[in-house]
Amino acid sequence: DKDLESLTNSAYLLADTFEVDVNDVIKSASVYMKTFGVDSDKAMDLMLVAFQKGGDYSGELLDTIREYSPQFKSMGFDADEMMNILIRGAEAGAFNLDKVGDAIKEMNVRVVDGSKTTNDAFTTLGLDAEKMGQSFAMGGEDAQKAFAVTMAALSKVKDEQDKHNLDVAIMGTQY
């Protein structure tokens, strides 16, 4: 009962402060709790920080949490890491937050399916496409490490057009 009361009070406070629907806050917290195994306080704290850091700049933070939490979880990210990636995407100027979540989802799908375009992109980055696909398919910590290696390799590409083409080949969009 105390957890429910705490969640309800926090949800109303967050909704009032950031002018969002309280039901969406509660649904998002619930998804976070179920997906990542965090308690209601942790879920609300993460959402509060995301709102404070401008994570709702496109008005879809809560939708993104609900839609993409399972994708982040399958790639080995915890609740904090998911929120950090979303916030970094917002700070980096992503068109909208859904694009960041969708990039994670598409990357997971594209790498595992081993399409020629994706494999060629990994080769261009100097990465072993087969090993990367296997790591992403394993999920968890292996997928998380593969993601970090991929993002590091992409960050080293200096030519903007090349970077764009590689982003699209691996993630389906430019992050």
C-alpha atoms as a PDB file:
ATOM      1  CA  ASP A   1       0.000   0.000   0.000  1.00  0.00           C
ATOM      2  CA  LYS A   2       2.876   2.351   0.767  1.00  0.00           C
ATOM      3  CA  ASP A   3       4.424   1.681  -2.664  1.00  0.00           C
ATOM      4  CA  LEU A   4       1.127   2.362  -4.406  1.00  0.00           C
ATOM      5  CA  GLU A   5       0.642   5.578  -2.441  1.00  0.00           C
ATOM      6  CA  SER A   6       4.204   6.675  -3.178  1.00  0.00           C
ATOM      7  CA  LEU A   7       3.823   5.883  -6.898  1.00  0.00           C
ATOM      8  CA  THR A   8       0.512   7.740  -7.087  1.00  0.00           C
ATOM      9  CA  ASN A   9       1.859  10.840  -5.329  1.00  0.00           C
ATOM     10  CA  SER A  10       5.010  10.859  -7.452  1.00  0.00           C
ATOM     11  CA  ALA A  11       2.999  10.360 -10.642  1.00  0.00           C
ATOM     12  CA  TYR A  12       0.727  13.311  -9.870  1.00  0.00           C
ATOM     13  CA  LEU A  13       3.692  15.500  -8.981  1.00  0.00           C
ATOM     14  CA  LEU A  14       5.540  14.592 -12.196  1.00  0.00           C
ATOM     15  CA  ALA A  15       2.403  15.037 -14.284  1.00  0.00           C
ATOM     16  CA  ASP A  16       1.632  18.435 -12.776  1.00  0.00           C
ATOM     17  CA  THR A  17       5.209  19.685 -12.948  1.00  0.00           C
ATOM     18  CA  PHE A  18       5.822  18.704 -16.567  1.00  0.00           C
ATOM     19  CA  GLU A  19       2.222  18.995 -17.805  1.00  0.00           C
ATOM     20  CA  VAL A  20       1.832  15.399 -18.931  1.00  0.00           C
ATOM     21  CA  ASP A  21      -0.994  12.914 -18.409  1.00  0.00           C
ATOM     22  CA  VAL A  22      -0.812  11.155 -15.043  1.00  0.00           C
ATOM     23  CA  ASN A  23      -2.058   7.910 -16.599  1.00  0.00           C
ATOM     24  CA  ASP A  24       0.845   7.976 -19.063  1.00  0.00           C
ATOM     25  CA  VAL A  25       3.251   8.510 -16.179  1.00  0.00           C
ATOM     26  CA  ILE A  26       1.853   5.520 -14.308  1.00  0.00           C
ATOM     27  CA  LYS A  27       1.846   3.300 -17.423  1.00  0.00           C
ATOM     28  CA  SER A  28       5.459   4.243 -18.188  1.00  0.00           C
ATOM     29  CA  ALA A  29       6.552   3.592 -14.619  1.00  0.00           C
ATOM     30  CA  SER A  30       4.793   0.239 -14.739  1.00  0.00           C
ATOM     31  CA  VAL A  31       6.583  -0.775 -17.941  1.00  0.00           C
ATOM     32  CA  TYR A  32       9.907   0.307 -16.458  1.00  0.00           C
ATOM     33  CA  MET A  33       9.230  -1.675 -13.299  1.00  0.00           C
ATOM     34  CA  LYS A  34       8.152  -4.838 -15.143  1.00  0.00           C
ATOM     35  CA  THR A  35      10.849  -4.684 -17.802  1.00  0.00           C
ATOM     36  CA  PHE A  36      13.845  -3.779 -15.663  1.00  0.00           C
ATOM     37  CA  GLY A  37      12.748  -4.997 -12.236  1.00  0.00           C
ATOM     38  CA  VAL A  38      13.120  -1.597 -10.589  1.00  0.00           C
ATOM     39  CA  ASP A  39      10.828  -0.342  -7.846  1.00  0.00           C
ATOM     40  CA  SER A  40       8.411   2.530  -8.281  1.00  0.00           C
ATOM     41  CA  ASP A  41      10.740   5.064  -6.663  1.00  0.00           C
ATOM     42  CA  LYS A  42      13.544   4.214  -9.084  1.00  0.00           C
ATOM     43  CA  ALA A  43      11.205   4.352 -12.092  1.00  0.00           C
ATOM     44  CA  MET A  44       9.867   7.752 -11.048  1.00  0.00           C
ATOM     45  CA  ASP A  45      13.372   9.076 -10.275  1.00  0.00           C
ATOM     46  CA  LEU A  46      14.616   8.075 -13.733  1.00  0.00           C
ATOM     47  CA  MET A  47      11.680   9.731 -15.445  1.00  0.00           C
ATOM     48  CA  LEU A  48      12.096  12.869 -13.320  1.00  0.00           C
ATOM     49  CA  VAL A  49      15.766  13.161 -14.293  1.00  0.00           C
ATOM     50  CA  ALA A  50      14.900  12.620 -17.952  1.00  0.00           C
ATOM     51  CA  PHE A  51      12.294  15.383 -17.836  1.00  0.00           C
ATOM     52  CA  GLN A  52      14.736  17.697 -16.031  1.00  0.00           C
ATOM     53  CA  LYS A  53      17.433  17.073 -18.639  1.00  0.00           C
ATOM     54  CA  GLY A  54      15.124  17.876 -21.535  1.00  0.00           C
ATOM     55  CA  GLY A  55      14.307  14.297 -22.463  1.00  0.00           C
ATOM     56  CA  ASP A  56      10.724  15.210 -23.310  1.00  0.00           C
ATOM     57  CA  TYR A  57      11.711  17.908 -25.806  1.00  0.00           C
ATOM     58  CA  SER A  58       9.632  16.226 -28.516  1.00  0.00           C
ATOM     59  CA  GLY A  59       6.735  15.311 -26.218  1.00  0.00           C
ATOM     60  CA  GLU A  60       7.260  11.573 -26.444  1.00  0.00           C
ATOM     61  CA  LEU A  61       9.453  10.536 -23.527  1.00  0.00           C
ATOM     62  CA  LEU A  62       6.740   8.485 -21.861  1.00  0.00           C
ATOM     63  CA  ASP A  63       5.677   6.816 -25.120  1.00  0.00           C
ATOM     64  CA  THR A  64       9.310   5.984 -25.869  1.00  0.00           C
ATOM     65  CA  ILE A  65       9.780   4.392 -22.453  1.00  0.00           C
ATOM     66  CA  ARG A  66       6.721   2.203 -22.978  1.00  0.00           C
ATOM     67  CA  GLU A  67       7.535   1.228 -26.543  1.00  0.00           C
ATOM     68  CA  TYR A  68      11.276   0.655 -26.407  1.00  0.00           C
ATOM     69  CA  SER A  69      12.059  -0.614 -22.896  1.00  0.00           C
ATOM     70  CA  PRO A  70      11.886  -4.252 -24.051  1.00  0.00           C
ATOM     71  CA  GLN A  71      14.322  -3.508 -26.892  1.00  0.00           C
ATOM     72  CA  PHE A  72      16.836  -1.915 -24.552  1.00  0.00           C
ATOM     73  CA  LYS A  73      16.436  -4.791 -22.102  1.00  0.00           C
ATOM     74  CA  SER A  74      17.060  -7.378 -24.835  1.00  0.00           C
ATOM     75  CA  MET A  75      20.301  -5.600 -25.691  1.00  0.00           C
ATOM     76  CA  GLY A  76      21.483  -5.882 -22.096  1.00  0.00           C
ATOM     77  CA  PHE A  77      20.812  -2.343 -20.953  1.00  0.00           C
ATOM     78  CA  ASP A  78      19.388  -1.611 -17.530  1.00  0.00           C
ATOM     79  CA  ALA A  79      16.933   1.171 -16.716  1.00  0.00           C
ATOM     80  CA  ASP A  80      19.671   3.744 -16.000  1.00  0.00           C
ATOM     81  CA  GLU A  81      21.532   2.953 -19.202  1.00  0.00           C
ATOM     82  CA  MET A  82      18.376   3.199 -21.286  1.00  0.00           C
ATOM     83  CA  MET A  83      17.595   6.614 -19.872  1.00  0.00           C
ATOM     84  CA  ASN A  84      21.194   7.775 -20.383  1.00  0.00           C
ATOM     85  CA  ILE A  85      21.085   6.726 -24.038  1.00  0.00           C
ATOM     86  CA  LEU A  86      17.784   8.528 -24.555  1.00  0.00           C
ATOM     87  CA  ILE A  87      19.070  11.685 -22.884  1.00  0.00           C
ATOM     88  CA  ARG A  88      22.326  11.576 -24.872  1.00  0.00           C
ATOM     89  CA  GLY A  89      20.278  11.222 -28.035  1.00  0.00           C
ATOM     90  CA  ALA A  90      18.222  14.252 -27.069  1.00  0.00           C
ATOM     91  CA  GLU A  91      21.357  16.251 -26.255  1.00  0.00           C
ATOM     92  CA  ALA A  92      22.940  15.199 -29.559  1.00  0.00           C
ATOM     93  CA  GLY A  93      20.010  16.722 -31.416  1.00  0.00           C
ATOM     94  CA  ALA A  94      18.013  13.664 -32.453  1.00  0.00           C
ATOM     95  CA  PHE A  95      14.954  14.811 -34.402  1.00  0.00           C
ATOM     96  CA  ASN A  96      12.743  13.207 -31.774  1.00  0.00           C
ATOM     97  CA  LEU A  97      13.165  10.726 -28.968  1.00  0.00           C
ATOM     98  CA  ASP A  98      11.319   8.009 -30.847  1.00  0.00           C
ATOM     99  CA  LYS A  99      14.168   8.084 -33.398  1.00  0.00           C
ATOM    100  CA  VAL A 100      16.646   7.148 -30.666  1.00  0.00           C
ATOM    101  CA  GLY A 101      14.523   4.238 -29.454  1.00  0.00           C
ATOM    102  CA  ASP A 102      13.822   3.141 -32.987  1.00  0.00           C
ATOM    103  CA  ALA A 103      17.537   3.205 -33.836  1.00  0.00           C
ATOM    104  CA  ILE A 104      18.194   0.761 -30.990  1.00  0.00           C
ATOM    105  CA  LYS A 105      15.358  -1.503 -32.114  1.00  0.00           C
ATOM    106  CA  GLU A 106      16.327  -1.425 -35.791  1.00  0.00           C
ATOM    107  CA  MET A 107      19.978  -1.991 -34.988  1.00  0.00           C
ATOM    108  CA  ASN A 108      19.063  -5.071 -32.977  1.00  0.00           C
ATOM    109  CA  VAL A 109      16.947  -6.411 -35.859  1.00  0.00           C
ATOM    110  CA  ARG A 110      19.338  -5.513 -38.696  1.00  0.00           C
ATOM    111  CA  VAL A 111      22.459  -6.860 -37.076  1.00  0.00           C
ATOM    112  CA  VAL A 112      20.855 -10.149 -36.093  1.00  0.00           C
ATOM    113  CA  ASP A 113      19.288 -10.693 -39.535  1.00  0.00           C
ATOM    114  CA  GLY A 114      22.721 -10.289 -41.145  1.00  0.00           C
ATOM    115  CA  SER A 115      21.665  -8.377 -44.255  1.00  0.00           C
ATOM    116  CA  LYS A 116      24.347  -7.664 -46.849  1.00  0.00           C
ATOM    117  CA  THR A 117      24.034  -3.917 -46.303  1.00  0.00           C
ATOM    118  CA  THR A 118      24.559  -4.251 -42.554  1.00  0.00           C
ATOM    119  CA  ASN A 119      27.402  -6.740 -42.967  1.00  0.00           C
ATOM    120  CA  ASP A 120      29.117  -4.438 -45.480  1.00  0.00           C
ATOM    121  CA  ALA A 121      28.798  -1.545 -43.034  1.00  0.00           C
ATOM    122  CA  PHE A 122      30.453  -3.569 -40.264  1.00  0.00           C
ATOM    123  CA  THR A 123      33.254  -4.544 -42.642  1.00  0.00           C
ATOM    124  CA  THR A 124      33.759  -0.882 -43.550  1.00  0.00           C
ATOM    125  CA  LEU A 125      34.052  -0.118 -39.825  1.00  0.00           C
ATOM    126  CA  GLY A 126      36.647  -2.878 -39.443  1.00  0.00           C
ATOM    127  CA  LEU A 127      34.309  -5.106 -37.424  1.00  0.00           C
ATOM    128  CA  ASP A 128      33.505  -8.783 -37.928  1.00  0.00           C
ATOM    129  CA  ALA A 129      29.861  -8.785 -39.041  1.00  0.00           C
ATOM    130  CA  GLU A 130      29.280 -12.433 -38.131  1.00  0.00           C
ATOM    131  CA  LYS A 131      30.620 -11.972 -34.598  1.00  0.00           C
ATOM    132  CA  MET A 132      28.638  -8.782 -34.158  1.00  0.00           C
ATOM    133  CA  GLY A 133      25.446 -10.543 -35.278  1.00  0.00           C
ATOM    134  CA  GLN A 134      26.079 -13.392 -32.871  1.00  0.00           C
ATOM    135  CA  SER A 135      26.718 -10.984 -29.991  1.00  0.00           C
ATOM    136  CA  PHE A 136      23.528  -9.032 -30.663  1.00  0.00           C
ATOM    137  CA  ALA A 137      21.539 -12.266 -31.002  1.00  0.00           C
ATOM    138  CA  MET A 138      22.804 -13.456 -27.605  1.00  0.00           C
ATOM    139  CA  GLY A 139      21.365 -10.326 -26.017  1.00  0.00           C
ATOM    140  CA  GLY A 140      22.303  -9.192 -22.540  1.00  0.00           C
ATOM    141  CA  GLU A 141      25.875  -8.249 -21.804  1.00  0.00           C
ATOM    142  CA  ASP A 142      27.167  -9.556 -25.149  1.00  0.00           C
ATOM    143  CA  ALA A 143      24.746  -7.330 -27.071  1.00  0.00           C
ATOM    144  CA  GLN A 144      25.579  -4.371 -24.865  1.00  0.00           C
ATOM    145  CA  LYS A 145      29.302  -4.765 -25.545  1.00  0.00           C
ATOM    146  CA  ALA A 146      28.661  -5.144 -29.274  1.00  0.00           C
ATOM    147  CA  PHE A 147      26.559  -1.987 -29.194  1.00  0.00           C
ATOM    148  CA  ALA A 148      29.366  -0.059 -27.460  1.00  0.00           C
ATOM    149  CA  VAL A 149      31.946  -1.307 -29.977  1.00  0.00           C
ATOM    150  CA  THR A 150      29.658  -0.358 -32.865  1.00  0.00           C
ATOM    151  CA  MET A 151      28.957   3.126 -31.509  1.00  0.00           C
ATOM    152  CA  ALA A 152      32.670   3.708 -30.869  1.00  0.00           C
ATOM    153  CA  ALA A 153      33.508   2.665 -34.432  1.00  0.00           C
ATOM    154  CA  LEU A 154      30.776   4.904 -35.846  1.00  0.00           C
ATOM    155  CA  SER A 155      31.995   7.858 -33.797  1.00  0.00           C
ATOM    156  CA  LYS A 156      35.404   7.608 -35.468  1.00  0.00           C
ATOM    157  CA  VAL A 157      33.979   8.135 -38.963  1.00  0.00           C
ATOM    158  CA  LYS A 158      34.864  11.704 -39.905  1.00  0.00           C
ATOM    159  CA  ASP A 159      33.179  12.118 -43.283  1.00  0.00           C
ATOM    160  CA  GLU A 160      29.555  13.128 -42.592  1.00  0.00           C
ATOM    161  CA  GLN A 161      28.127  11.405 -45.675  1.00  0.00           C
ATOM    162  CA  ASP A 162      29.979   8.168 -44.893  1.00  0.00           C
ATOM    163  CA  LYS A 163      28.780   8.340 -41.293  1.00  0.00           C
ATOM    164  CA  HIS A 164      25.208   8.905 -42.417  1.00  0.00           C
ATOM    165  CA  ASN A 165      25.355   5.933 -44.807  1.00  0.00           C
ATOM    166  CA  LEU A 166      26.820   3.661 -42.131  1.00  0.00           C
ATOM    167  CA  ASP A 167      24.262   4.810 -39.534  1.00  0.00           C
ATOM    168  CA  VAL A 168      21.440   4.019 -41.942  1.00  0.00           C
ATOM    169  CA  ALA A 169      22.925   0.640 -42.906  1.00  0.00           C
ATOM    170  CA  ILE A 170      23.297  -0.448 -39.283  1.00  0.00           C
ATOM    171  CA  MET A 171      20.452   1.344 -37.502  1.00  0.00           C
ATOM    172  CA  GLY A 172      17.990   2.131 -40.255  1.00  0.00           C
ATOM    173  CA  THR A 173      18.284   5.828 -39.433  1.00  0.00           C
ATOM    174  CA  GLN A 174      20.839   8.373 -38.411  1.00  0.00           C
ATOM    175  CA  TYR A 175      21.158   8.392 -34.639  1.00  0.00           C
END
